[in-house]
Amino acid sequence: MDTVGERLCALRKAVLFTQQELADRMGCRWRTDVAKLESGWLKCSLASTRRRLARAVGVPLDPLDRYLEGNLSLDDLLERRIVVDELEAP
């Protein structure tokens, strides 16, 4: 995987979320927000976006940043995952 969007898509699929489920957990209004992040049309560079993403998938922010930058494998990131059934609103 080369792009942040591709890595984001792989992470979403690994945690078995649809784009809508991830959008809901991130506090986004539309599924298309996640689709735009995955396609690279929107950048996932804002700290607030990455914090919401980390919380939505249940991983610490630092390993998520390293994963999205290509410096940590998906398997290593998922080892740090804490599954939370009900997340509070962002």
C-alpha atoms as a PDB file:
ATOM      1  CA  MET A   1       0.000   0.000   0.000  1.00  0.00           C
ATOM      2  CA  ASP A   2       1.364   3.349  -0.975  1.00  0.00           C
ATOM      3  CA  THR A   3      -1.069   6.063   0.018  1.00  0.00           C
ATOM      4  CA  VAL A   4      -2.615   7.168   3.285  1.00  0.00           C
ATOM      5  CA  GLY A   5      -6.034   6.581   1.730  1.00  0.00           C
ATOM      6  CA  GLU A   6      -5.177   3.000   0.811  1.00  0.00           C
ATOM      7  CA  ARG A   7      -3.893   2.357   4.312  1.00  0.00           C
ATOM      8  CA  LEU A   8      -7.036   3.912   5.796  1.00  0.00           C
ATOM      9  CA  CYS A   9      -9.216   1.681   3.601  1.00  0.00           C
ATOM     10  CA  ALA A  10      -7.237  -1.414   4.640  1.00  0.00           C
ATOM     11  CA  LEU A  11      -7.628  -0.466   8.311  1.00  0.00           C
ATOM     12  CA  ARG A  12     -11.368   0.089   7.945  1.00  0.00           C
ATOM     13  CA  LYS A  13     -11.796  -3.291   6.290  1.00  0.00           C
ATOM     14  CA  ALA A  14      -9.588  -5.010   8.877  1.00  0.00           C
ATOM     15  CA  VAL A  15     -11.840  -3.807  11.696  1.00  0.00           C
ATOM     16  CA  LEU A  16     -14.894  -4.851   9.651  1.00  0.00           C
ATOM     17  CA  PHE A  17     -16.479  -1.409   9.359  1.00  0.00           C
ATOM     18  CA  THR A  18     -18.402  -0.117   6.403  1.00  0.00           C
ATOM     19  CA  GLN A  19     -17.649   3.421   5.309  1.00  0.00           C
ATOM     20  CA  GLN A  20     -20.905   4.499   6.974  1.00  0.00           C
ATOM     21  CA  GLU A  21     -20.010   2.801  10.269  1.00  0.00           C
ATOM     22  CA  LEU A  22     -16.619   4.484  10.323  1.00  0.00           C
ATOM     23  CA  ALA A  23     -18.165   7.834   9.434  1.00  0.00           C
ATOM     24  CA  ASP A  24     -20.670   7.456  12.267  1.00  0.00           C
ATOM     25  CA  ARG A  25     -17.962   6.547  14.777  1.00  0.00           C
ATOM     26  CA  MET A  26     -15.830   9.483  13.643  1.00  0.00           C
ATOM     27  CA  GLY A  27     -18.728  11.890  13.935  1.00  0.00           C
ATOM     28  CA  CYS A  28     -18.872  12.605  10.206  1.00  0.00           C
ATOM     29  CA  ARG A  29     -22.195  13.472   8.637  1.00  0.00           C
ATOM     30  CA  TRP A  30     -21.748  11.458   5.468  1.00  0.00           C
ATOM     31  CA  ARG A  31     -20.263   8.152   4.338  1.00  0.00           C
ATOM     32  CA  THR A  32     -18.759  10.092   1.465  1.00  0.00           C
ATOM     33  CA  ASP A  33     -16.418  11.865   3.911  1.00  0.00           C
ATOM     34  CA  VAL A  34     -14.723   8.513   4.550  1.00  0.00           C
ATOM     35  CA  ALA A  35     -14.807   7.677   0.834  1.00  0.00           C
ATOM     36  CA  LYS A  36     -13.063  10.987   0.089  1.00  0.00           C
ATOM     37  CA  LEU A  37     -10.392  10.283   2.713  1.00  0.00           C
ATOM     38  CA  GLU A  38      -9.808   6.810   1.273  1.00  0.00           C
ATOM     39  CA  SER A  39      -9.585   8.119  -2.283  1.00  0.00           C
ATOM     40  CA  GLY A  40      -7.171  10.879  -1.319  1.00  0.00           C
ATOM     41  CA  TRP A  41      -9.587  13.620  -2.357  1.00  0.00           C
ATOM     42  CA  LEU A  42      -9.578  14.789   1.279  1.00  0.00           C
ATOM     43  CA  LYS A  43      -6.330  14.657   3.207  1.00  0.00           C
ATOM     44  CA  CYS A  44      -6.106  12.834   6.528  1.00  0.00           C
ATOM     45  CA  SER A  45      -3.472  15.237   7.811  1.00  0.00           C
ATOM     46  CA  LEU A  46      -5.427  17.254  10.368  1.00  0.00           C
ATOM     47  CA  ALA A  47      -4.697  16.227  13.942  1.00  0.00           C
ATOM     48  CA  SER A  48      -8.400  16.367  14.797  1.00  0.00           C
ATOM     49  CA  THR A  49      -9.249  13.960  11.963  1.00  0.00           C
ATOM     50  CA  ARG A  50      -6.557  11.521  13.052  1.00  0.00           C
ATOM     51  CA  ARG A  51      -7.695  11.719  16.695  1.00  0.00           C
ATOM     52  CA  ARG A  52     -11.282  10.943  15.679  1.00  0.00           C
ATOM     53  CA  LEU A  53     -10.075   8.089  13.473  1.00  0.00           C
ATOM     54  CA  ALA A  54      -7.917   6.622  16.249  1.00  0.00           C
ATOM     55  CA  ARG A  55     -10.810   6.738  18.674  1.00  0.00           C
ATOM     56  CA  ALA A  56     -13.245   5.286  16.125  1.00  0.00           C
ATOM     57  CA  VAL A  57     -11.106   2.215  15.457  1.00  0.00           C
ATOM     58  CA  GLY A  58      -9.825   1.885  19.019  1.00  0.00           C
ATOM     59  CA  VAL A  59      -6.097   2.456  18.585  1.00  0.00           C
ATOM     60  CA  PRO A  60      -3.693   4.937  20.191  1.00  0.00           C
ATOM     61  CA  LEU A  61      -2.924   8.021  18.113  1.00  0.00           C
ATOM     62  CA  ASP A  62       0.857   7.594  17.850  1.00  0.00           C
ATOM     63  CA  PRO A  63       0.742   4.074  16.335  1.00  0.00           C
ATOM     64  CA  LEU A  64      -2.065   5.204  14.010  1.00  0.00           C
ATOM     65  CA  ASP A  65       0.087   8.087  12.782  1.00  0.00           C
ATOM     66  CA  ARG A  66       3.022   5.737  12.206  1.00  0.00           C
ATOM     67  CA  TYR A  67       0.746   3.292  10.331  1.00  0.00           C
ATOM     68  CA  LEU A  68      -0.749   5.984   8.099  1.00  0.00           C
ATOM     69  CA  GLU A  69       2.762   7.261   7.327  1.00  0.00           C
ATOM     70  CA  GLY A  70       3.843   3.742   6.339  1.00  0.00           C
ATOM     71  CA  ASN A  71       6.130   3.194   9.324  1.00  0.00           C
ATOM     72  CA  LEU A  72       4.067   0.515  11.105  1.00  0.00           C
ATOM     73  CA  SER A  73       2.345  -2.551   9.688  1.00  0.00           C
ATOM     74  CA  LEU A  74      -1.394  -3.064   9.876  1.00  0.00           C
ATOM     75  CA  ASP A  75      -0.869  -6.177  11.996  1.00  0.00           C
ATOM     76  CA  ASP A  76       1.269  -4.244  14.466  1.00  0.00           C
ATOM     77  CA  LEU A  77      -1.346  -1.497  14.652  1.00  0.00           C
ATOM     78  CA  LEU A  78      -4.170  -3.964  15.249  1.00  0.00           C
ATOM     79  CA  GLU A  79      -2.214  -5.547  18.117  1.00  0.00           C
ATOM     80  CA  ARG A  80      -2.653  -2.217  19.922  1.00  0.00           C
ATOM     81  CA  ARG A  81      -6.405  -2.113  19.316  1.00  0.00           C
ATOM     82  CA  ILE A  82      -8.826  -1.789  22.207  1.00  0.00           C
ATOM     83  CA  VAL A  83     -12.343  -2.744  21.167  1.00  0.00           C
ATOM     84  CA  VAL A  84     -15.062  -0.573  22.643  1.00  0.00           C
ATOM     85  CA  ASP A  85     -18.664  -1.517  21.908  1.00  0.00           C
ATOM     86  CA  GLU A  86     -20.228   1.860  22.566  1.00  0.00           C
ATOM     87  CA  LEU A  87     -18.225   4.966  21.819  1.00  0.00           C
ATOM     88  CA  GLU A  88     -19.200   8.353  23.111  1.00  0.00           C
ATOM     89  CA  ALA A  89     -19.854  11.074  20.578  1.00  0.00           C
ATOM     90  CA  PRO A  90     -16.654  12.784  19.393  1.00  0.00           C
END
